[in-house]
Amino acid sequence: MERENENDARDGGMITDGSAMLRSQGESFFCLSIIGQIEGHYVLDNAQKATKYDHVIPTLVALEESERVDGIIILINTLGGDVEAGLAMAEVIASLTKPTASIVLGGGHSIGVPLAVSADRSFIVPSATMTIHPVRTNGTVLGVPQAFDYLEKMQNRIIDFIVKHSSVEEKHFRGLINRTDTLVNDIGSILDGYEAVKCGLIDEIGGVKDALAYLKSRIGKNNEEF
């Protein structure tokens, strides 16, 4: 498998840091990294690793229209971040017609959960973890009833998306969110790779070779149907 340099990998004039075009036996895969915190409408400190949603979304649209790309592999190692930005990225990934596969490496925490399940097939390495917790906000909240109503609606949007794009049962997932015995002074759950697969949140244990094998099988099936 060969990796093109960044200049050759550009498509549509947009590429995110840490991305690469991979070629294998005549097939081309775009590798997209979602790392650090998800940056939304506010620019994060330069000292923090961040994935900018306003870079990722145009890249995904360009990949959808590119004739040079057969499939997309998404590497996820994120602490979470801006909820609306992360959910927007997940919605775009889920709407692609190009075959997609995600791999949780290290961590797929918070808003990283819908990003992980947004691909056609999701993988997680055994050592990775996923933190599931209620939607939170930072700073002073004005108009408390309205604020809680907004957070509840956002929470339901995220849960609906996750349930729709994975095999986890809604009741079980809500139970994971509200657990009080796993996080000190907080509520939520931390799942390792095996636990995430067992509850149906992630499709299977696996890494890069497994994700690439899945994408190749999808491409081969599409060619046969054509």
Protein backbone atom coordinates (compact mmCIF):
# COMPACT_ATOMS: atom_id res chain seq x y z
CA MET A 1 0.00 0.00 0.00
CA GLU A 2 1.36 3.40 -0.97
CA ARG A 3 0.71 6.79 0.56
CA GLU A 4 0.53 9.81 -1.71
CA ASN A 5 2.13 13.03 -0.57
CA GLU A 6 -0.20 15.73 0.70
CA ASN A 7 -0.07 17.77 -2.49
CA ASP A 8 -1.20 14.78 -4.55
CA ALA A 9 -3.80 13.84 -1.98
CA ARG A 10 -5.56 17.19 -2.13
CA ASP A 11 -9.01 17.02 -3.67
CA GLY A 12 -11.30 19.98 -4.06
CA GLY A 13 -8.72 22.30 -2.54
CA MET A 14 -9.28 21.07 1.02
CA ILE A 15 -7.46 18.58 3.19
CA THR A 16 -7.17 18.27 6.96
CA ASP A 17 -3.95 17.80 8.91
CA GLY A 18 -3.08 14.16 9.50
CA SER A 19 -4.92 12.93 6.42
CA ALA A 20 -3.54 10.81 3.59
CA MET A 21 -4.55 9.12 0.36
CA LEU A 22 -3.77 5.39 0.37
CA ARG A 23 -3.53 3.26 -2.76
CA SER A 24 -3.71 -0.54 -2.75
CA GLN A 25 -4.08 -2.81 -5.80
CA GLY A 26 -5.73 -0.14 -7.88
CA GLU A 27 -8.06 1.01 -5.10
CA SER A 28 -7.80 4.37 -3.37
CA PHE A 29 -8.75 5.08 0.23
CA PHE A 30 -8.77 8.42 2.00
CA CYS A 31 -7.60 8.26 5.61
CA LEU A 32 -9.13 11.00 7.78
CA SER A 33 -7.96 11.59 11.36
CA ILE A 34 -10.30 12.99 14.02
CA ILE A 35 -8.04 13.71 16.98
CA GLY A 36 -7.85 15.90 20.07
CA GLN A 37 -10.87 18.07 20.73
CA ILE A 38 -13.60 18.84 18.22
CA GLU A 39 -13.38 22.56 17.53
CA GLY A 40 -16.65 24.31 16.80
CA HIS A 41 -17.51 27.99 16.58
CA TYR A 42 -14.83 29.01 19.08
CA VAL A 43 -11.12 28.65 18.29
CA LEU A 44 -9.29 26.51 20.84
CA ASP A 45 -5.94 27.32 22.40
CA ASN A 46 -2.98 26.70 20.09
CA ALA A 47 -1.52 24.32 22.68
CA GLN A 48 -4.41 21.87 22.17
CA LYS A 49 -4.72 19.27 19.46
CA ALA A 50 -7.95 19.96 17.63
CA THR A 51 -10.07 18.80 14.71
CA LYS A 52 -11.78 21.72 13.00
CA TYR A 53 -15.25 20.87 11.80
CA ASP A 54 -15.18 23.66 9.21
CA HIS A 55 -12.23 21.85 7.60
CA VAL A 56 -13.58 18.31 7.89
CA ILE A 57 -17.05 18.92 6.45
CA PRO A 58 -15.87 20.45 3.13
CA THR A 59 -13.28 17.67 2.86
CA LEU A 60 -16.00 15.03 3.23
CA VAL A 61 -18.15 16.71 0.58
CA ALA A 62 -15.18 16.83 -1.80
CA LEU A 63 -14.45 13.13 -1.14
CA GLU A 64 -18.05 12.21 -1.91
CA GLU A 65 -17.72 13.80 -5.35
CA SER A 66 -14.17 12.60 -6.06
CA GLU A 67 -13.69 9.91 -8.68
CA ARG A 68 -10.24 9.20 -7.21
CA VAL A 69 -11.57 7.94 -3.87
CA ASP A 70 -13.12 4.48 -3.49
CA GLY A 71 -13.58 4.46 0.28
CA ILE A 72 -12.90 6.43 3.46
CA ILE A 73 -11.29 5.20 6.67
CA ILE A 74 -11.76 7.41 9.74
CA LEU A 75 -9.30 7.19 12.64
CA ILE A 76 -10.78 8.47 15.91
CA ASN A 77 -8.88 9.45 19.05
CA THR A 78 -10.81 12.33 20.59
CA LEU A 79 -11.69 13.65 24.02
CA GLY A 80 -14.91 15.14 22.63
CA GLY A 81 -15.57 18.84 22.27
CA ASP A 82 -18.18 21.03 20.61
CA VAL A 83 -21.40 18.98 20.58
CA GLU A 84 -23.12 20.60 17.60
CA ALA A 85 -19.94 20.56 15.51
CA GLY A 86 -19.30 16.90 16.28
CA LEU A 87 -22.88 15.91 15.53
CA ALA A 88 -22.78 17.86 12.26
CA MET A 89 -19.65 15.96 11.21
CA ALA A 90 -21.30 12.67 12.15
CA GLU A 91 -24.40 13.49 10.08
CA VAL A 92 -22.26 14.24 7.02
CA ILE A 93 -20.30 10.98 7.39
CA ALA A 94 -23.55 9.02 7.73
CA SER A 95 -24.94 10.62 4.56
CA LEU A 96 -21.99 9.64 2.32
CA THR A 97 -22.50 7.07 -0.41
CA LYS A 98 -18.79 6.16 -0.48
CA PRO A 99 -18.05 3.15 1.76
CA THR A 100 -16.81 4.29 5.19
CA ALA A 101 -15.18 2.56 8.15
CA SER A 102 -14.24 4.06 11.51
CA ILE A 103 -11.65 2.89 14.02
CA VAL A 104 -11.56 4.06 17.64
CA LEU A 105 -7.93 4.25 18.72
CA GLY A 106 -7.08 5.40 22.22
CA GLY A 107 -10.42 7.03 22.93
CA GLY A 108 -13.74 7.92 21.36
CA HIS A 109 -15.16 9.97 24.18
CA SER A 110 -18.26 12.12 24.51
CA ILE A 111 -19.27 13.48 21.06
CA GLY A 112 -16.72 11.02 19.65
CA VAL A 113 -19.34 8.31 20.17
CA PRO A 114 -21.72 9.45 17.38
CA LEU A 115 -18.68 10.07 15.18
CA ALA A 116 -17.57 6.47 15.70
CA VAL A 117 -20.96 4.97 14.84
CA SER A 118 -21.60 7.27 11.86
CA ALA A 119 -19.54 5.10 9.48
CA ASP A 120 -20.97 2.11 7.60
CA ARG A 121 -18.86 -0.19 9.79
CA SER A 122 -17.28 0.70 13.13
CA PHE A 123 -14.21 -0.89 14.69
CA ILE A 124 -12.44 -0.41 18.01
CA VAL A 125 -9.09 -1.70 19.27
CA PRO A 126 -9.26 -3.62 22.58
CA SER A 127 -7.26 -1.01 24.53
CA ALA A 128 -9.45 1.92 23.47
CA THR A 129 -12.13 3.40 25.72
CA MET A 130 -15.33 5.32 25.15
CA THR A 131 -16.85 7.70 27.70
CA ILE A 132 -20.62 8.12 27.60
CA HIS A 133 -22.18 10.93 29.61
CA PRO A 134 -24.98 13.49 29.44
CA VAL A 135 -24.59 16.67 27.40
CA ARG A 136 -22.91 19.34 29.49
CA THR A 137 -22.25 23.05 29.19
CA ASN A 138 -19.52 25.24 30.65
CA GLY A 139 -19.78 28.67 32.22
CA THR A 140 -22.72 30.61 33.61
CA VAL A 141 -26.09 29.59 32.24
CA LEU A 142 -28.80 32.24 32.00
CA GLY A 143 -32.47 31.32 31.77
CA VAL A 144 -31.97 27.99 33.50
CA PRO A 145 -35.26 26.27 32.47
CA GLN A 146 -34.66 27.13 28.81
CA ALA A 147 -31.05 26.01 29.06
CA PHE A 148 -32.00 22.63 30.49
CA ASP A 149 -34.70 22.23 27.84
CA TYR A 150 -32.09 22.86 25.13
CA LEU A 151 -29.65 20.37 26.68
CA GLU A 152 -32.37 17.73 26.93
CA LYS A 153 -33.32 18.17 23.28
CA MET A 154 -29.67 18.00 22.23
CA GLN A 155 -29.22 14.87 24.34
CA ASN A 156 -32.19 13.23 22.63
CA ARG A 157 -30.83 14.15 19.18
CA ILE A 158 -27.51 12.49 20.02
CA ILE A 159 -29.15 9.38 21.46
CA ASP A 160 -31.46 9.05 18.43
CA PHE A 161 -28.47 9.28 16.10
CA ILE A 162 -26.43 6.71 18.01
CA VAL A 163 -29.30 4.22 18.27
CA LYS A 164 -30.09 4.61 14.56
CA HIS A 165 -26.49 4.02 13.48
CA SER A 166 -25.54 1.19 15.84
CA SER A 167 -27.03 -1.94 17.38
CA VAL A 168 -27.25 -0.64 20.93
CA GLU A 169 -30.72 -0.56 22.47
CA GLU A 170 -31.96 2.89 23.46
CA LYS A 171 -32.96 1.81 26.97
CA HIS A 172 -29.53 0.29 27.59
CA PHE A 173 -27.74 3.32 26.21
CA ARG A 174 -29.72 5.70 28.39
CA GLY A 175 -28.81 3.47 31.33
CA LEU A 176 -25.12 3.85 30.49
CA ILE A 177 -25.51 7.63 30.43
CA ASN A 178 -27.10 7.74 33.87
CA ARG A 179 -24.84 5.31 35.74
CA THR A 180 -23.40 6.71 38.95
CA ASP A 181 -21.06 3.89 39.97
CA THR A 182 -18.28 4.30 37.39
CA LEU A 183 -17.27 7.97 37.35
CA VAL A 184 -16.36 9.65 40.62
CA ASN A 185 -18.66 12.58 41.46
CA ASP A 186 -20.27 12.38 38.06
CA ILE A 187 -22.63 10.25 35.99
CA GLY A 188 -21.90 8.22 32.91
CA SER A 189 -19.95 5.14 31.83
CA ILE A 190 -16.52 4.23 30.52
CA LEU A 191 -16.46 1.27 28.12
CA ASP A 192 -13.40 -0.56 26.86
CA GLY A 193 -13.28 -2.03 23.38
CA TYR A 194 -14.84 -5.37 24.27
CA GLU A 195 -17.64 -3.76 26.29
CA ALA A 196 -18.44 -1.34 23.46
CA VAL A 197 -18.85 -4.27 21.06
CA LYS A 198 -20.76 -6.43 23.53
CA CYS A 199 -23.47 -3.81 24.06
CA GLY A 200 -23.81 -3.20 20.31
CA LEU A 201 -22.40 0.31 20.30
CA ILE A 202 -19.47 -0.65 18.04
CA ASP A 203 -19.69 -3.33 15.37
CA GLU A 204 -16.49 -5.26 16.04
CA ILE A 205 -13.02 -5.41 17.54
CA GLY A 206 -10.43 -4.58 14.91
CA GLY A 207 -7.81 -2.23 13.57
CA VAL A 208 -6.58 -0.84 10.28
CA LYS A 209 -6.30 -4.16 8.42
CA ASP A 210 -9.86 -5.08 9.39
CA ALA A 211 -11.27 -1.71 8.33
CA LEU A 212 -9.44 -1.85 5.00
CA ALA A 213 -10.62 -5.42 4.41
CA TYR A 214 -14.20 -4.27 4.97
CA LEU A 215 -13.83 -1.35 2.55
CA LYS A 216 -12.30 -3.61 -0.10
CA SER A 217 -15.18 -6.08 0.27
CA ARG A 218 -17.69 -3.26 -0.15
CA ILE A 219 -15.95 -1.95 -3.25
CA GLY A 220 -15.77 -5.46 -4.74
CA LYS A 221 -19.48 -6.02 -4.06
CA ASN A 222 -20.39 -2.68 -5.64
CA ASN A 223 -18.37 -3.54 -8.75
CA GLU A 224 -20.13 -6.90 -9.06
CA GLU A 225 -23.53 -5.29 -8.80
CA PHE A 226 -22.58 -2.71 -11.41
